N, C-alpha and C. Protein backbone atom coordinates (compact mmCIF):
# COMPACT_ATOMS: atom_id res chain seq x y z
N MET A 1 -2.46 97.26 60.61
CA MET A 1 -2.02 96.36 61.52
C MET A 1 -3.18 95.26 61.57
N GLY A 2 -4.12 95.19 61.91
CA GLY A 2 -5.35 94.18 61.87
C GLY A 2 -5.13 92.79 61.78
N SER A 3 -6.00 92.11 61.26
CA SER A 3 -6.08 90.86 61.10
C SER A 3 -5.18 90.36 59.67
N PHE A 4 -4.75 88.97 59.62
CA PHE A 4 -4.15 88.70 58.50
C PHE A 4 -4.93 88.30 57.55
N SER A 5 -4.56 88.46 56.25
CA SER A 5 -5.73 88.19 55.41
C SER A 5 -5.27 86.75 55.09
N ILE A 6 -5.95 85.86 53.91
CA ILE A 6 -6.10 84.66 53.66
C ILE A 6 -4.52 84.09 53.06
N TRP A 7 -4.07 85.00 52.17
CA TRP A 7 -2.78 84.90 51.84
C TRP A 7 -1.65 85.02 52.48
N HIS A 8 -1.62 85.66 53.67
CA HIS A 8 -0.86 85.51 54.58
C HIS A 8 -0.77 84.02 55.45
N TRP A 9 -2.09 83.34 55.53
CA TRP A 9 -1.99 82.33 56.27
C TRP A 9 -1.83 81.24 55.09
N LEU A 10 -2.01 81.37 53.80
CA LEU A 10 -1.59 80.43 52.82
C LEU A 10 0.05 80.37 52.84
N VAL A 11 0.66 81.51 52.92
CA VAL A 11 2.12 81.49 53.12
C VAL A 11 2.45 80.70 54.28
N VAL A 12 2.02 81.22 55.45
CA VAL A 12 2.49 80.32 56.57
C VAL A 12 2.42 79.26 56.63
N LEU A 13 1.23 78.58 56.18
CA LEU A 13 0.77 77.13 55.93
C LEU A 13 2.02 76.42 55.05
N VAL A 14 2.44 77.14 53.54
CA VAL A 14 3.46 76.61 52.99
C VAL A 14 4.65 76.47 53.69
N VAL A 15 5.03 77.43 54.46
CA VAL A 15 6.38 77.44 55.10
C VAL A 15 6.28 76.51 56.13
N VAL A 16 5.55 76.13 56.93
CA VAL A 16 5.21 75.19 57.75
C VAL A 16 5.32 73.74 57.14
N ALA A 17 4.65 73.45 55.99
CA ALA A 17 4.58 72.30 55.31
C ALA A 17 6.29 71.94 54.53
N LEU A 18 6.94 73.12 54.40
CA LEU A 18 8.43 72.78 54.01
C LEU A 18 9.23 72.42 55.13
N VAL A 19 9.10 73.24 56.16
CA VAL A 19 9.64 72.99 57.53
C VAL A 19 9.70 71.55 57.96
N PHE A 20 8.52 71.32 58.21
CA PHE A 20 8.38 70.09 59.06
C PHE A 20 7.98 69.08 58.13
N GLY A 21 7.47 69.15 56.79
CA GLY A 21 7.10 68.04 56.16
C GLY A 21 5.68 67.32 56.35
N THR A 22 4.81 67.07 55.10
CA THR A 22 3.77 66.80 55.48
C THR A 22 3.35 65.47 56.19
N LYS A 23 4.36 64.47 56.30
CA LYS A 23 4.33 63.28 57.02
C LYS A 23 4.21 63.53 58.48
N LYS A 24 5.05 64.50 58.73
CA LYS A 24 5.32 64.91 60.28
C LYS A 24 3.79 65.53 60.75
N LEU A 25 3.44 66.38 59.88
CA LEU A 25 2.39 67.21 59.86
C LEU A 25 0.87 66.11 59.98
N ARG A 26 0.98 65.20 59.13
CA ARG A 26 -0.02 64.37 59.29
C ARG A 26 0.17 63.36 60.55
N ASN A 27 1.16 63.16 60.94
CA ASN A 27 1.16 62.31 62.29
C ASN A 27 0.85 63.08 63.66
N LEU A 28 1.16 64.61 63.28
CA LEU A 28 0.68 65.26 64.63
C LEU A 28 -0.75 65.61 64.39
N GLY A 29 -1.26 65.78 63.52
CA GLY A 29 -2.60 65.75 63.18
C GLY A 29 -3.51 64.44 64.01
N GLY A 30 -2.80 63.37 63.46
CA GLY A 30 -3.44 62.16 64.01
C GLY A 30 -3.25 61.88 65.50
N ASP A 31 -2.08 62.40 65.98
CA ASP A 31 -2.09 62.42 67.70
C ASP A 31 -2.97 63.22 68.17
N LEU A 32 -3.25 64.37 67.46
CA LEU A 32 -4.23 65.44 68.17
C LEU A 32 -5.39 64.89 68.12
N GLY A 33 -5.90 64.25 67.08
CA GLY A 33 -7.21 63.89 66.93
C GLY A 33 -7.36 62.54 68.12
N GLY A 34 -6.29 61.88 68.15
CA GLY A 34 -6.42 60.59 69.21
C GLY A 34 -6.51 61.26 70.46
N ALA A 35 -5.93 62.52 70.84
CA ALA A 35 -5.79 62.68 72.32
C ALA A 35 -7.25 63.26 72.43
N VAL A 36 -7.69 64.16 71.49
CA VAL A 36 -9.34 64.89 71.81
C VAL A 36 -10.23 63.47 71.95
N LYS A 37 -9.92 62.75 70.99
CA LYS A 37 -11.13 61.52 71.17
C LYS A 37 -11.19 60.87 72.53
N GLY A 38 -9.69 60.55 73.19
CA GLY A 38 -9.47 59.95 74.26
C GLY A 38 -10.13 60.91 75.60
N PHE A 39 -9.88 62.16 75.37
CA PHE A 39 -10.24 62.93 76.31
C PHE A 39 -11.93 62.94 76.19
N LYS A 40 -12.78 62.94 75.09
CA LYS A 40 -13.93 62.81 75.02
C LYS A 40 -14.46 61.57 75.60
N GLN A 41 -13.93 60.40 75.37
CA GLN A 41 -14.52 58.93 76.08
C GLN A 41 -14.19 59.23 77.64
N ALA A 42 -13.03 59.84 77.77
CA ALA A 42 -12.77 59.71 79.74
C ALA A 42 -14.17 60.71 80.24
N MET A 43 -14.31 61.95 79.49
CA MET A 43 -15.24 62.58 80.05
C MET A 43 -16.66 61.91 80.11
N ASN A 44 -16.97 61.04 79.06
CA ASN A 44 -18.27 60.34 78.88
C ASN A 44 -18.42 59.44 80.08
N GLU A 45 -17.11 58.47 80.11
CA GLU A 45 -17.05 57.60 81.09
C GLU A 45 -17.27 58.44 82.75
N GLU A 46 -16.57 59.46 82.71
CA GLU A 46 -16.82 59.93 83.95
C GLU A 46 -18.33 60.49 84.25
N GLN A 47 -18.74 60.80 83.42
CA GLN A 47 -20.35 61.25 83.61
C GLN A 47 -21.20 59.82 83.76
N SER A 48 -20.79 58.76 83.23
CA SER A 48 -21.64 57.61 83.49
C SER A 48 -21.45 57.10 84.75
N GLY A 49 -19.99 57.19 85.05
CA GLY A 49 -19.60 56.44 86.04
C GLY A 49 -20.07 57.32 87.53
N SER A 50 -20.55 58.30 87.41
CA SER A 50 -21.03 58.96 88.78
C SER A 50 -22.34 58.40 88.81
N GLY A 51 -23.00 57.96 87.94
CA GLY A 51 -24.54 57.43 88.07
C GLY A 51 -24.15 56.23 88.68
N VAL A 52 -23.35 55.17 88.16
CA VAL A 52 -23.10 54.07 88.80
C VAL A 52 -22.59 53.94 90.30
N ILE A 53 -21.84 54.99 90.56
CA ILE A 53 -21.53 55.44 92.02
C ILE A 53 -22.61 55.84 92.98
N GLU A 54 -23.48 56.61 92.47
CA GLU A 54 -24.76 57.01 93.03
C GLU A 54 -25.64 55.75 93.23
N HIS A 55 -26.02 54.77 92.17
CA HIS A 55 -26.49 53.69 92.38
C HIS A 55 -26.08 52.80 93.32
N ALA A 56 -24.85 52.61 93.31
CA ALA A 56 -24.06 51.62 94.34
C ALA A 56 -24.25 52.41 95.84
N VAL A 57 -24.19 53.36 96.04
CA VAL A 57 -24.48 54.26 97.35
C VAL A 57 -25.83 54.00 97.89
N ASN A 58 -26.70 54.15 96.69
CA ASN A 58 -28.23 54.15 97.28
C ASN A 58 -28.56 52.59 97.36
N GLU A 59 -27.92 51.55 96.91
CA GLU A 59 -27.84 50.17 97.03
C GLU A 59 -27.72 50.06 98.42
N THR A 60 -26.44 50.38 98.88
CA THR A 60 -25.74 50.22 100.13
C THR A 60 -26.61 50.79 101.40
N ASP A 61 -27.29 52.08 101.09
CA ASP A 61 -28.10 52.39 101.95
C ASP A 61 -29.44 51.91 102.29
N SER A 62 -29.75 51.19 101.11
CA SER A 62 -31.13 50.36 101.34
C SER A 62 -31.21 49.32 102.11
N VAL A 63 -29.72 48.57 101.80
CA VAL A 63 -29.44 47.24 102.63
C VAL A 63 -29.15 47.70 103.90
N SER A 64 -28.40 48.62 104.32
CA SER A 64 -28.14 48.90 105.82
C SER A 64 -29.71 49.31 106.32
N SER A 65 -30.44 50.02 105.92
CA SER A 65 -31.67 50.25 106.39
C SER A 65 -32.76 49.25 106.57
N LYS A 66 -32.37 48.04 105.70
CA LYS A 66 -33.06 46.62 105.64
C LYS A 66 -32.64 46.04 107.07
N ALA A 67 -31.28 46.18 106.96
CA ALA A 67 -30.65 45.48 108.23
C ALA A 67 -31.21 45.91 109.57
N GLU A 68 -31.24 47.39 109.63
CA GLU A 68 -31.75 48.13 111.06
C GLU A 68 -33.02 47.60 111.26
N HIS A 69 -33.94 47.73 110.25
CA HIS A 69 -35.36 47.19 110.48
C HIS A 69 -35.41 45.83 111.10
N LYS A 70 -34.49 44.94 110.57
CA LYS A 70 -34.78 43.65 110.99
C LYS A 70 -34.36 43.43 112.62
N GLN A 71 -33.59 44.30 113.26
CA GLN A 71 -32.98 44.57 114.37
C GLN A 71 -33.90 45.08 115.35
């Protein structure tokens, strides 16, 4: 029973290519790659965006503390 050999996977790949066609598989691969790329960009923006929010909060705190010192 165990794992499948390379020959099993090659037969599965050929059957899938025959059923769906290479053009659909190529489009599916491109769509999947675009989705992963978009996800990575969103994660990077979220990480860098949190630093911007913290900086804005710190500036707001410093402005409010300066206003309190003037009073």
